[in-house]
Amino acid sequence: MNSRSFLFLSVMFIMCFGTAAQAETFDKYLSAADIEKVTGFKEVMLSKSSQQGSAGSLQFKNKDGKVILLVRFNSPSFYNKAEATKLGQIKGEIKGIGEDAYYGPNVATPYMLSFKKDKLYVELTAYINSKDVMPFLTMEQLKALGKIIASRI
């Protein structure tokens, strides 16, 4: 292996390791066990992914390997309630979960919850079950999970 290839592989390793380490920081806010307790699902698995910068996300899958919940963590600068309202993403306000908490989108069965807390903007999105075309998690379950996350920030 020439020195150029070695340098490239070394840089790639460091970048991948840094990204994986970054994802680790968010799993302290919500665990598979928390989701099992709130929803009654069994064998929930955490599949970690992250984005560059201050953002990160956690994906949770059911025992069949289907994504049931995505939780994104961003800086509060990503939060723009006026823009969300304009795009029809807000269905209602939520009290007791961080700051400026709301749920949406403005449809019959909302599947998203967002809030700010300290230095984070958090979005919880329940994925849709293709069998019955309904979210895997109810809004009450999303609110309970949001409260868990907010209490750990």
N, C-alpha and C. Protein backbone atom coordinates (compact mmCIF):
# COMPACT_ATOMS: atom_id res chain seq x y z
N MET A 1 0.86 -1.17 0.00
CA MET A 1 0.00 0.00 0.00
C MET A 1 0.90 1.23 0.00
N ASN A 2 0.62 2.14 -0.90
CA ASN A 2 1.44 3.35 -0.95
C ASN A 2 1.00 4.33 0.15
N SER A 3 1.82 5.34 0.37
CA SER A 3 1.55 6.29 1.47
C SER A 3 0.28 7.09 1.24
N ARG A 4 -0.05 7.38 -0.01
CA ARG A 4 -1.26 8.13 -0.31
C ARG A 4 -2.50 7.31 0.06
N SER A 5 -2.52 6.03 -0.27
CA SER A 5 -3.64 5.15 0.08
C SER A 5 -3.76 5.01 1.59
N PHE A 6 -2.63 4.85 2.27
CA PHE A 6 -2.63 4.72 3.72
C PHE A 6 -3.21 5.97 4.37
N LEU A 7 -2.79 7.14 3.90
CA LEU A 7 -3.29 8.41 4.44
C LEU A 7 -4.79 8.52 4.22
N PHE A 8 -5.27 8.18 3.02
CA PHE A 8 -6.70 8.25 2.71
C PHE A 8 -7.49 7.32 3.63
N LEU A 9 -7.03 6.07 3.78
CA LEU A 9 -7.73 5.12 4.64
C LEU A 9 -7.71 5.57 6.10
N SER A 10 -6.62 6.15 6.54
CA SER A 10 -6.53 6.65 7.91
C SER A 10 -7.53 7.77 8.16
N VAL A 11 -7.62 8.69 7.23
CA VAL A 11 -8.57 9.81 7.36
C VAL A 11 -10.00 9.28 7.37
N MET A 12 -10.31 8.33 6.49
CA MET A 12 -11.66 7.75 6.44
C MET A 12 -12.00 7.06 7.75
N PHE A 13 -11.05 6.32 8.31
CA PHE A 13 -11.27 5.64 9.58
C PHE A 13 -11.58 6.64 10.68
N ILE A 14 -10.81 7.70 10.75
CA ILE A 14 -11.02 8.72 11.78
C ILE A 14 -12.38 9.40 11.61
N MET A 15 -12.76 9.69 10.37
CA MET A 15 -14.06 10.33 10.13
C MET A 15 -15.20 9.40 10.52
N CYS A 16 -15.10 8.13 10.17
CA CYS A 16 -16.16 7.17 10.52
C CYS A 16 -16.24 6.97 12.02
N PHE A 17 -15.09 6.87 12.67
CA PHE A 17 -15.07 6.70 14.11
C PHE A 17 -15.68 7.91 14.80
N GLY A 18 -15.37 9.11 14.32
CA GLY A 18 -15.92 10.34 14.89
C GLY A 18 -17.43 10.40 14.74
N THR A 19 -17.94 9.98 13.58
CA THR A 19 -19.38 9.98 13.35
C THR A 19 -20.06 8.97 14.25
N ALA A 20 -19.48 7.78 14.39
CA ALA A 20 -20.08 6.77 15.27
C ALA A 20 -20.06 7.24 16.72
N ALA A 21 -18.98 7.86 17.14
CA ALA A 21 -18.90 8.36 18.51
C ALA A 21 -19.93 9.45 18.76
N GLN A 22 -20.17 10.28 17.73
CA GLN A 22 -21.16 11.34 17.87
C GLN A 22 -22.55 10.75 18.10
N ALA A 23 -22.90 9.68 17.38
CA ALA A 23 -24.21 9.06 17.53
C ALA A 23 -24.39 8.53 18.94
N GLU A 24 -23.33 8.07 19.55
CA GLU A 24 -23.39 7.54 20.91
C GLU A 24 -23.89 8.58 21.91
N THR A 25 -23.63 9.84 21.68
CA THR A 25 -24.01 10.85 22.66
C THR A 25 -25.51 11.02 22.79
N PHE A 26 -26.28 10.63 21.79
CA PHE A 26 -27.72 10.86 21.83
C PHE A 26 -28.50 9.70 22.44
N ASP A 27 -27.90 8.52 22.53
CA ASP A 27 -28.65 7.39 23.06
C ASP A 27 -28.87 7.49 24.57
N LYS A 28 -28.27 8.48 25.22
CA LYS A 28 -28.53 8.68 26.65
C LYS A 28 -29.89 9.31 26.89
N TYR A 29 -30.51 9.85 25.85
CA TYR A 29 -31.81 10.52 26.00
C TYR A 29 -33.00 9.58 25.85
N LEU A 30 -32.82 8.48 25.12
CA LEU A 30 -33.93 7.55 24.89
C LEU A 30 -33.37 6.18 24.56
N SER A 31 -33.95 5.15 25.14
CA SER A 31 -33.48 3.79 24.91
C SER A 31 -34.61 2.91 24.36
N ALA A 32 -34.21 1.75 23.86
CA ALA A 32 -35.20 0.77 23.38
C ALA A 32 -36.10 0.34 24.55
N ALA A 33 -35.52 0.23 25.74
CA ALA A 33 -36.30 -0.15 26.93
C ALA A 33 -37.38 0.90 27.24
N ASP A 34 -37.06 2.18 27.05
CA ASP A 34 -38.05 3.24 27.26
C ASP A 34 -39.22 3.05 26.30
N ILE A 35 -38.92 2.76 25.05
CA ILE A 35 -39.98 2.59 24.06
C ILE A 35 -40.82 1.36 24.38
N GLU A 36 -40.18 0.29 24.78
CA GLU A 36 -40.93 -0.91 25.16
C GLU A 36 -41.87 -0.63 26.32
N LYS A 37 -41.39 0.12 27.30
CA LYS A 37 -42.20 0.44 28.48
C LYS A 37 -43.42 1.29 28.11
N VAL A 38 -43.21 2.29 27.25
CA VAL A 38 -44.29 3.21 26.89
C VAL A 38 -45.28 2.57 25.91
N THR A 39 -44.78 1.78 24.96
CA THR A 39 -45.64 1.26 23.89
C THR A 39 -46.14 -0.15 24.10
N GLY A 40 -45.42 -0.94 24.88
CA GLY A 40 -45.78 -2.34 25.03
C GLY A 40 -45.15 -3.23 23.96
N PHE A 41 -44.43 -2.64 23.01
CA PHE A 41 -43.71 -3.44 22.02
C PHE A 41 -42.65 -4.27 22.71
N LYS A 42 -42.34 -5.41 22.13
CA LYS A 42 -41.28 -6.28 22.63
C LYS A 42 -40.14 -6.30 21.61
N GLU A 43 -38.94 -6.49 22.09
CA GLU A 43 -37.75 -6.64 21.25
C GLU A 43 -37.48 -5.43 20.35
N VAL A 44 -37.65 -4.23 20.89
CA VAL A 44 -37.32 -3.02 20.14
C VAL A 44 -35.80 -2.91 20.05
N MET A 45 -35.31 -2.53 18.88
CA MET A 45 -33.87 -2.42 18.65
C MET A 45 -33.51 -0.99 18.30
N LEU A 46 -32.34 -0.57 18.71
CA LEU A 46 -31.83 0.76 18.39
C LEU A 46 -30.86 0.63 17.23
N SER A 47 -31.12 1.38 16.18
CA SER A 47 -30.21 1.44 15.04
C SER A 47 -29.73 2.88 14.96
N LYS A 48 -28.49 3.13 15.33
CA LYS A 48 -28.00 4.50 15.42
C LYS A 48 -27.53 5.02 14.08
N SER A 49 -27.82 6.27 13.83
CA SER A 49 -27.28 6.97 12.67
C SER A 49 -27.04 8.41 13.10
N SER A 50 -26.20 9.09 12.40
CA SER A 50 -25.97 10.49 12.74
C SER A 50 -25.69 11.29 11.50
N GLN A 51 -25.82 12.58 11.65
CA GLN A 51 -25.54 13.51 10.57
C GLN A 51 -24.34 14.33 11.00
N GLN A 52 -23.73 15.01 10.07
CA GLN A 52 -22.58 15.83 10.42
C GLN A 52 -23.02 17.07 11.19
N GLY A 53 -22.08 17.69 11.87
CA GLY A 53 -22.37 18.90 12.63
C GLY A 53 -22.95 18.58 13.98
N SER A 54 -23.87 19.43 14.44
CA SER A 54 -24.43 19.26 15.77
C SER A 54 -25.65 18.36 15.76
N ALA A 55 -26.00 17.80 14.60
CA ALA A 55 -27.20 16.99 14.49
C ALA A 55 -26.88 15.52 14.72
N GLY A 56 -27.88 14.80 15.15
CA GLY A 56 -27.77 13.36 15.31
C GLY A 56 -29.15 12.76 15.32
N SER A 57 -29.24 11.46 15.17
CA SER A 57 -30.55 10.84 15.20
C SER A 57 -30.45 9.42 15.73
N LEU A 58 -31.57 8.95 16.21
CA LEU A 58 -31.71 7.58 16.70
C LEU A 58 -32.90 6.97 15.98
N GLN A 59 -32.71 5.78 15.43
CA GLN A 59 -33.80 5.04 14.81
C GLN A 59 -34.09 3.82 15.66
N PHE A 60 -35.37 3.58 15.89
CA PHE A 60 -35.78 2.41 16.64
C PHE A 60 -36.61 1.51 15.73
N LYS A 61 -36.31 0.21 15.78
CA LYS A 61 -36.99 -0.76 14.93
C LYS A 61 -37.74 -1.77 15.80
N ASN A 62 -38.83 -2.31 15.23
CA ASN A 62 -39.56 -3.35 15.94
C ASN A 62 -38.88 -4.70 15.70
N LYS A 63 -39.43 -5.76 16.26
CA LYS A 63 -38.79 -7.07 16.15
C LYS A 63 -38.75 -7.59 14.72
N ASP A 64 -39.59 -7.02 13.84
CA ASP A 64 -39.59 -7.40 12.42
C ASP A 64 -38.57 -6.59 11.61
N GLY A 65 -37.84 -5.69 12.29
CA GLY A 65 -36.83 -4.89 11.62
C GLY A 65 -37.38 -3.65 10.93
N LYS A 66 -38.64 -3.31 11.17
CA LYS A 66 -39.24 -2.11 10.57
C LYS A 66 -39.01 -0.91 11.47
N VAL A 67 -38.63 0.21 10.87
CA VAL A 67 -38.42 1.43 11.65
C VAL A 67 -39.78 1.89 12.18
N ILE A 68 -39.85 2.09 13.49
CA ILE A 68 -41.09 2.56 14.11
C ILE A 68 -40.99 4.00 14.59
N LEU A 69 -39.75 4.45 14.88
CA LEU A 69 -39.57 5.79 15.43
C LEU A 69 -38.21 6.34 15.04
N LEU A 70 -38.21 7.60 14.64
CA LEU A 70 -36.97 8.34 14.38
C LEU A 70 -36.97 9.54 15.31
N VAL A 71 -35.87 9.72 16.03
CA VAL A 71 -35.72 10.87 16.91
C VAL A 71 -34.51 11.65 16.41
N ARG A 72 -34.74 12.91 16.05
CA ARG A 72 -33.65 13.77 15.56
C ARG A 72 -33.32 14.82 16.61
N PHE A 73 -32.03 15.08 16.73
CA PHE A 73 -31.51 16.09 17.65
C PHE A 73 -30.75 17.11 16.82
N ASN A 74 -31.15 18.36 16.91
CA ASN A 74 -30.49 19.45 16.19
C ASN A 74 -30.27 20.63 17.13
N SER A 75 -29.60 21.64 16.61
CA SER A 75 -29.47 22.87 17.38
C SER A 75 -30.80 23.63 17.28
N PRO A 76 -31.11 24.48 18.25
CA PRO A 76 -32.36 25.23 18.22
C PRO A 76 -32.52 26.11 16.98
N SER A 77 -31.43 26.40 16.29
CA SER A 77 -31.53 27.23 15.09
C SER A 77 -32.34 26.54 13.99
N PHE A 78 -32.51 25.21 14.08
CA PHE A 78 -33.32 24.48 13.11
C PHE A 78 -34.81 24.67 13.38
N TYR A 79 -35.14 25.16 14.56
CA TYR A 79 -36.54 25.32 14.95
C TYR A 79 -37.07 26.64 14.44
N ASN A 80 -38.09 26.59 13.63
CA ASN A 80 -38.73 27.79 13.14
C ASN A 80 -40.24 27.55 13.13
N LYS A 81 -40.87 27.90 14.23
CA LYS A 81 -42.30 27.62 14.41
C LYS A 81 -43.15 28.33 13.36
N ALA A 82 -42.77 29.56 13.00
CA ALA A 82 -43.53 30.30 11.99
C ALA A 82 -43.50 29.56 10.65
N GLU A 83 -42.33 29.04 10.28
CA GLU A 83 -42.21 28.28 9.03
C GLU A 83 -42.99 26.98 9.11
N ALA A 84 -42.94 26.31 10.26
CA ALA A 84 -43.68 25.07 10.44
C ALA A 84 -45.18 25.32 10.32
N THR A 85 -45.66 26.42 10.88
CA THR A 85 -47.07 26.77 10.79
C THR A 85 -47.46 27.01 9.34
N LYS A 86 -46.62 27.75 8.63
CA LYS A 86 -46.88 28.06 7.23
C LYS A 86 -46.96 26.78 6.38
N LEU A 87 -46.14 25.81 6.71
CA LEU A 87 -46.12 24.55 5.95
C LEU A 87 -47.18 23.56 6.42
N GLY A 88 -47.98 23.93 7.40
CA GLY A 88 -49.05 23.05 7.88
C GLY A 88 -48.55 21.93 8.76
N GLN A 89 -47.41 22.11 9.40
CA GLN A 89 -46.85 21.06 10.23
C GLN A 89 -47.38 21.07 11.66
N ILE A 90 -48.05 22.14 12.05
CA ILE A 90 -48.52 22.23 13.44
C ILE A 90 -50.00 21.91 13.52
N LYS A 91 -50.32 20.93 14.35
CA LYS A 91 -51.72 20.61 14.61
C LYS A 91 -52.13 21.17 15.96
N GLY A 92 -51.22 21.19 16.93
CA GLY A 92 -51.56 21.70 18.24
C GLY A 92 -50.34 21.89 19.12
N GLU A 93 -50.53 22.64 20.18
CA GLU A 93 -49.48 22.92 21.16
C GLU A 93 -49.49 21.82 22.22
N ILE A 94 -48.36 21.63 22.86
CA ILE A 94 -48.23 20.64 23.94
C ILE A 94 -47.58 21.34 25.13
N LYS A 95 -48.17 21.18 26.27
CA LYS A 95 -47.60 21.74 27.51
C LYS A 95 -46.84 20.65 28.25
N GLY A 96 -45.79 21.05 28.96
CA GLY A 96 -45.06 20.13 29.81
C GLY A 96 -43.94 19.35 29.14
N ILE A 97 -43.65 19.67 27.88
CA ILE A 97 -42.54 19.01 27.19
C ILE A 97 -41.66 20.11 26.61
N GLY A 98 -40.61 20.44 27.26
CA GLY A 98 -39.69 21.44 26.74
C GLY A 98 -40.36 22.77 26.47
N GLU A 99 -39.75 23.53 25.55
CA GLU A 99 -40.27 24.84 25.16
C GLU A 99 -40.91 24.74 23.78
N ASP A 100 -41.94 25.51 23.54
CA ASP A 100 -42.57 25.59 22.23
C ASP A 100 -42.86 24.23 21.63
N ALA A 101 -43.36 23.30 22.42
CA ALA A 101 -43.66 21.97 21.91
C ALA A 101 -44.94 22.00 21.09
N TYR A 102 -44.91 21.27 19.99
CA TYR A 102 -46.10 21.13 19.16
C TYR A 102 -46.12 19.76 18.51
N TYR A 103 -47.30 19.39 17.98
CA TYR A 103 -47.41 18.13 17.27
C TYR A 103 -48.05 18.38 15.91
N GLY A 104 -47.85 17.46 15.01
CA GLY A 104 -48.35 17.62 13.65
C GLY A 104 -48.01 16.39 12.83
N PRO A 105 -48.14 16.44 11.54
CA PRO A 105 -48.68 17.55 10.77
C PRO A 105 -50.19 17.68 10.98
N ASN A 106 -50.74 18.67 10.38
CA ASN A 106 -52.15 18.97 10.56
C ASN A 106 -53.01 18.02 9.72
N VAL A 107 -53.03 16.75 10.14
CA VAL A 107 -53.82 15.71 9.48
C VAL A 107 -54.63 14.99 10.55
N ALA A 108 -55.50 14.07 10.14
CA ALA A 108 -56.37 13.37 11.09
C ALA A 108 -55.57 12.62 12.16
N THR A 109 -54.48 11.97 11.76
CA THR A 109 -53.66 11.21 12.71
C THR A 109 -52.23 11.74 12.68
N PRO A 110 -51.93 12.76 13.49
CA PRO A 110 -50.58 13.31 13.50
C PRO A 110 -49.56 12.27 13.97
N TYR A 111 -48.32 12.39 13.50
CA TYR A 111 -47.30 11.40 13.80
C TYR A 111 -45.95 12.03 14.14
N MET A 112 -45.94 13.33 14.45
CA MET A 112 -44.69 14.02 14.73
C MET A 112 -44.84 14.92 15.95
N LEU A 113 -43.79 14.99 16.77
CA LEU A 113 -43.77 15.87 17.92
C LEU A 113 -42.42 16.59 17.92
N SER A 114 -42.42 17.90 18.17
CA SER A 114 -41.19 18.69 18.19
C SER A 114 -41.17 19.59 19.41
N PHE A 115 -39.94 19.82 19.92
CA PHE A 115 -39.79 20.76 21.03
C PHE A 115 -38.34 21.21 21.14
N LYS A 116 -38.17 22.33 21.84
CA LYS A 116 -36.83 22.83 22.17
C LYS A 116 -36.60 22.60 23.65
N LYS A 117 -35.35 22.29 23.99
CA LYS A 117 -34.97 22.18 25.40
C LYS A 117 -33.49 22.48 25.49
N ASP A 118 -33.17 23.49 26.28
CA ASP A 118 -31.78 23.94 26.43
C ASP A 118 -31.13 24.16 25.07
N LYS A 119 -30.09 23.39 24.76
CA LYS A 119 -29.35 23.60 23.52
C LYS A 119 -29.76 22.64 22.41
N LEU A 120 -30.94 22.02 22.55
CA LEU A 120 -31.38 21.05 21.55
C LEU A 120 -32.78 21.35 21.02
N TYR A 121 -32.98 21.03 19.78
CA TYR A 121 -34.29 20.97 19.15
C TYR A 121 -34.51 19.50 18.83
N VAL A 122 -35.60 18.93 19.31
CA VAL A 122 -35.86 17.50 19.19
C VAL A 122 -37.12 17.26 18.37
N GLU A 123 -37.03 16.32 17.44
CA GLU A 123 -38.19 15.90 16.64
C GLU A 123 -38.37 14.40 16.79
N LEU A 124 -39.56 13.97 17.15
CA LEU A 124 -39.90 12.56 17.19
C LEU A 124 -40.88 12.30 16.06
N THR A 125 -40.59 11.32 15.23
CA THR A 125 -41.45 10.99 14.10
C THR A 125 -41.78 9.50 14.15
N ALA A 126 -43.07 9.19 14.28
CA ALA A 126 -43.53 7.80 14.24
C ALA A 126 -43.69 7.40 12.78
N TYR A 127 -43.12 6.26 12.43
CA TYR A 127 -43.26 5.75 11.07
C TYR A 127 -44.63 5.11 10.89
N ILE A 128 -45.04 5.01 9.64
CA ILE A 128 -46.36 4.48 9.32
C ILE A 128 -46.28 2.97 9.12
N ASN A 129 -47.21 2.26 9.75
CA ASN A 129 -47.34 0.82 9.58
C ASN A 129 -48.08 0.56 8.28
N SER A 130 -47.45 -0.10 7.35
CA SER A 130 -48.06 -0.30 6.03
C SER A 130 -49.28 -1.21 6.07
N LYS A 131 -49.41 -2.04 7.12
CA LYS A 131 -50.58 -2.93 7.23
C LYS A 131 -51.88 -2.14 7.36
N ASP A 132 -51.92 -1.23 8.32
CA ASP A 132 -53.15 -0.48 8.56
C ASP A 132 -53.01 1.01 8.23
N VAL A 133 -51.92 1.40 7.64
CA VAL A 133 -51.64 2.78 7.23
C VAL A 133 -51.86 3.76 8.40
N MET A 134 -51.37 3.36 9.55
CA MET A 134 -51.43 4.19 10.75
C MET A 134 -50.03 4.24 11.35
N PRO A 135 -49.72 5.31 12.10
CA PRO A 135 -48.41 5.36 12.75
C PRO A 135 -48.25 4.20 13.74
N PHE A 136 -47.02 3.69 13.86
CA PHE A 136 -46.74 2.64 14.83
C PHE A 136 -47.00 3.12 16.25
N LEU A 137 -46.77 4.41 16.52
CA LEU A 137 -46.95 4.98 17.85
C LEU A 137 -48.06 6.01 17.83
N THR A 138 -48.82 6.07 18.91
CA THR A 138 -49.88 7.06 19.04
C THR A 138 -49.28 8.39 19.50
N MET A 139 -50.06 9.44 19.40
CA MET A 139 -49.60 10.74 19.87
C MET A 139 -49.36 10.72 21.38
N GLU A 140 -50.18 10.01 22.12
CA GLU A 140 -49.96 9.91 23.57
C GLU A 140 -48.63 9.24 23.87
N GLN A 141 -48.27 8.22 23.09
CA GLN A 141 -46.99 7.55 23.28
C GLN A 141 -45.83 8.49 22.90
N LEU A 142 -45.99 9.25 21.82
CA LEU A 142 -44.96 10.22 21.44
C LEU A 142 -44.77 11.27 22.54
N LYS A 143 -45.87 11.73 23.12
CA LYS A 143 -45.79 12.71 24.21
C LYS A 143 -45.05 12.12 25.41
N ALA A 144 -45.35 10.88 25.76
CA ALA A 144 -44.68 10.24 26.89
C ALA A 144 -43.18 10.11 26.63
N LEU A 145 -42.82 9.74 25.40
CA LEU A 145 -41.40 9.63 25.04
C LEU A 145 -40.73 10.99 25.01
N GLY A 146 -41.44 12.00 24.54
CA GLY A 146 -40.93 13.37 24.54
C GLY A 146 -40.62 13.84 25.95
N LYS A 147 -41.50 13.50 26.89
CA LYS A 147 -41.27 13.87 28.29
C LYS A 147 -40.04 13.17 28.86
N ILE A 148 -39.82 11.93 28.48
CA ILE A 148 -38.63 11.20 28.92
C ILE A 148 -37.38 11.89 28.42
N ILE A 149 -37.38 12.20 27.12
CA ILE A 149 -36.21 12.86 26.52
C ILE A 149 -35.96 14.21 27.20
N ALA A 150 -37.01 15.01 27.33
CA ALA A 150 -36.86 16.34 27.93
C ALA A 150 -36.33 16.25 29.35
N SER A 151 -36.74 15.23 30.09
CA SER A 151 -36.26 15.09 31.47
C SER A 151 -34.79 14.72 31.56
N ARG A 152 -34.23 14.19 30.45
CA ARG A 152 -32.83 13.76 30.44
C ARG A 152 -31.88 14.77 29.79
N ILE A 153 -32.45 15.83 29.25
CA ILE A 153 -31.61 16.86 28.62
C ILE A 153 -31.06 17.77 29.69
